[in-house]
């Protein structure tokens, strides 16, 4: 499995490794959303620092945005942080949020430490 999920008291960190397929990203969203205490989470951190994301075509974006929107109705206080030094990926994430009107506050950060600082201040 090219990703792992570390559950913490107020959220989760998803770490992706190698080439990531869209179904794996969607599976990670489902797994976190199915946690009994998901409605109490205040953050999710997606660590793509060691991942290769060559996906997210229009159909993929639609499917993942539907899962994210469904999660939003379950938990309205969620913040999402993305870790990557890849500028193109950071731009794709920002475009994804703008294009699909994703209601979660989000940020793109160059390190896990910077992402952690942001989610703890929210």
Protein backbone atom coordinates (compact mmCIF):
# COMPACT_ATOMS: atom_id res chain seq x y z
CA UNK A 1 0.00 0.00 0.00
CA UNK A 2 1.59 3.31 -1.02
CA UNK A 3 0.09 5.28 1.85
CA UNK A 4 -0.23 5.12 5.59
CA UNK A 5 -2.53 6.91 8.00
CA UNK A 6 -1.42 8.03 11.44
CA UNK A 7 -4.38 8.92 13.64
CA UNK A 8 -3.81 11.58 16.25
CA UNK A 9 -6.13 12.96 18.96
CA UNK A 10 -7.41 15.81 16.75
CA UNK A 11 -6.81 14.59 13.23
CA UNK A 12 -4.78 12.39 10.95
CA UNK A 13 -1.67 12.45 8.80
CA UNK A 14 -1.78 10.59 5.50
CA UNK A 15 1.67 9.84 4.10
CA UNK A 16 1.84 8.83 0.44
CA UNK A 17 4.84 7.04 -1.09
CA UNK A 18 5.80 6.46 -4.71
CA UNK A 19 3.27 6.57 -7.50
CA UNK A 20 -0.21 7.25 -6.16
CA UNK A 21 -3.30 6.25 -8.12
CA UNK A 22 -6.58 8.11 -7.73
CA UNK A 23 -8.31 5.08 -6.21
CA UNK A 24 -5.70 5.07 -3.42
CA UNK A 25 -6.36 8.72 -2.66
CA UNK A 26 -10.12 8.05 -2.62
CA UNK A 27 -9.60 4.99 -0.40
CA UNK A 28 -7.64 7.10 2.09
CA UNK A 29 -10.49 9.65 2.20
CA UNK A 30 -13.04 6.89 2.86
CA UNK A 31 -10.95 5.27 5.60
CA UNK A 32 -10.54 8.51 7.53
CA UNK A 33 -14.18 9.50 7.07
CA UNK A 34 -15.29 6.12 8.46
CA UNK A 35 -13.47 6.65 11.76
CA UNK A 36 -15.97 6.80 14.63
CA UNK A 37 -14.51 10.08 15.90
CA UNK A 38 -14.14 11.73 12.46
CA UNK A 39 -16.68 14.41 13.36
CA UNK A 40 -14.26 15.56 16.09
CA UNK A 41 -11.20 15.86 13.83
CA UNK A 42 -9.95 19.39 13.27
CA UNK A 43 -7.34 18.59 10.60
CA UNK A 44 -6.03 16.27 7.95
CA UNK A 45 -2.49 16.48 6.67
CA UNK A 46 -1.71 14.97 3.28
CA UNK A 47 2.04 14.39 3.04
CA UNK A 48 2.94 14.10 -0.64
CA UNK A 49 6.63 14.89 -0.10
CA UNK A 50 7.68 11.38 -1.19
CA UNK A 51 4.89 10.76 -3.70
CA UNK A 52 4.49 10.97 -7.44
CA UNK A 53 1.02 12.16 -8.36
CA UNK A 54 0.42 11.98 -12.08
CA UNK A 55 -3.32 11.69 -11.79
CA UNK A 56 -6.40 13.76 -11.17
CA UNK A 57 -8.04 14.04 -14.54
CA UNK A 58 -11.46 15.73 -14.69
CA UNK A 59 -13.34 12.54 -13.73
CA UNK A 60 -10.94 11.89 -10.87
CA UNK A 61 -11.37 15.43 -9.58
CA UNK A 62 -15.14 15.04 -9.66
CA UNK A 63 -15.06 11.76 -7.71
CA UNK A 64 -12.63 12.98 -5.05
CA UNK A 65 -14.49 16.28 -4.67
CA UNK A 66 -17.74 14.38 -4.04
CA UNK A 67 -16.06 12.40 -1.24
CA UNK A 68 -14.59 15.57 0.24
CA UNK A 69 -17.96 17.34 0.10
CA UNK A 70 -19.62 14.38 1.82
CA UNK A 71 -16.95 14.52 4.52
CA UNK A 72 -17.59 18.24 4.94
CA UNK A 73 -21.22 17.57 5.87
CA UNK A 74 -20.00 15.18 8.57
CA UNK A 75 -17.36 17.55 9.91
CA UNK A 76 -17.65 21.27 9.25
CA UNK A 77 -14.53 22.31 11.19
CA UNK A 78 -11.94 20.39 9.15
CA UNK A 79 -8.72 22.03 7.91
CA UNK A 80 -6.56 20.32 5.29
CA UNK A 81 -2.82 20.81 4.90
CA UNK A 82 -0.80 19.47 1.97
CA UNK A 83 2.93 18.84 2.14
CA UNK A 84 4.87 19.11 -1.10
CA UNK A 85 7.83 20.99 -2.53
CA UNK A 86 6.49 20.38 -6.05
CA UNK A 87 5.19 23.77 -7.23
CA UNK A 88 3.04 22.20 -9.96
CA UNK A 89 1.34 19.93 -7.44
CA UNK A 90 0.74 22.90 -5.12
CA UNK A 91 -0.87 24.76 -8.02
CA UNK A 92 -3.01 21.72 -8.90
CA UNK A 93 -4.21 21.51 -5.29
CA UNK A 94 -5.14 25.22 -5.28
CA UNK A 95 -6.89 24.82 -8.64
CA UNK A 96 -8.74 21.76 -7.32
CA UNK A 97 -10.09 23.72 -4.35
CA UNK A 98 -11.08 26.75 -6.44
CA UNK A 99 -12.62 24.80 -9.31
CA UNK A 100 -14.68 22.51 -7.08
CA UNK A 101 -15.51 25.09 -4.41
CA UNK A 102 -14.18 22.84 -1.66
CA UNK A 103 -15.24 24.46 1.62
CA UNK A 104 -12.38 23.27 3.84
CA UNK A 105 -9.72 25.85 4.67
CA UNK A 106 -6.48 24.51 3.24
CA UNK A 107 -2.79 25.30 2.88
CA UNK A 108 0.17 23.96 0.92
CA UNK A 109 3.43 23.70 2.82
CA UNK A 110 7.03 22.66 2.02
CA UNK A 111 7.40 20.51 5.15
CA UNK A 112 5.42 18.42 7.60
CA UNK A 113 6.58 20.71 10.41
CA UNK A 114 5.14 23.79 8.67
CA UNK A 115 1.86 21.97 8.02
CA UNK A 116 1.66 20.90 11.68
CA UNK A 117 2.23 24.45 12.85
CA UNK A 118 -0.58 25.71 10.60
CA UNK A 119 -3.15 23.11 11.70
CA UNK A 120 -2.38 23.64 15.38
CA UNK A 121 -2.96 27.39 15.03
CA UNK A 122 -6.36 26.90 13.39
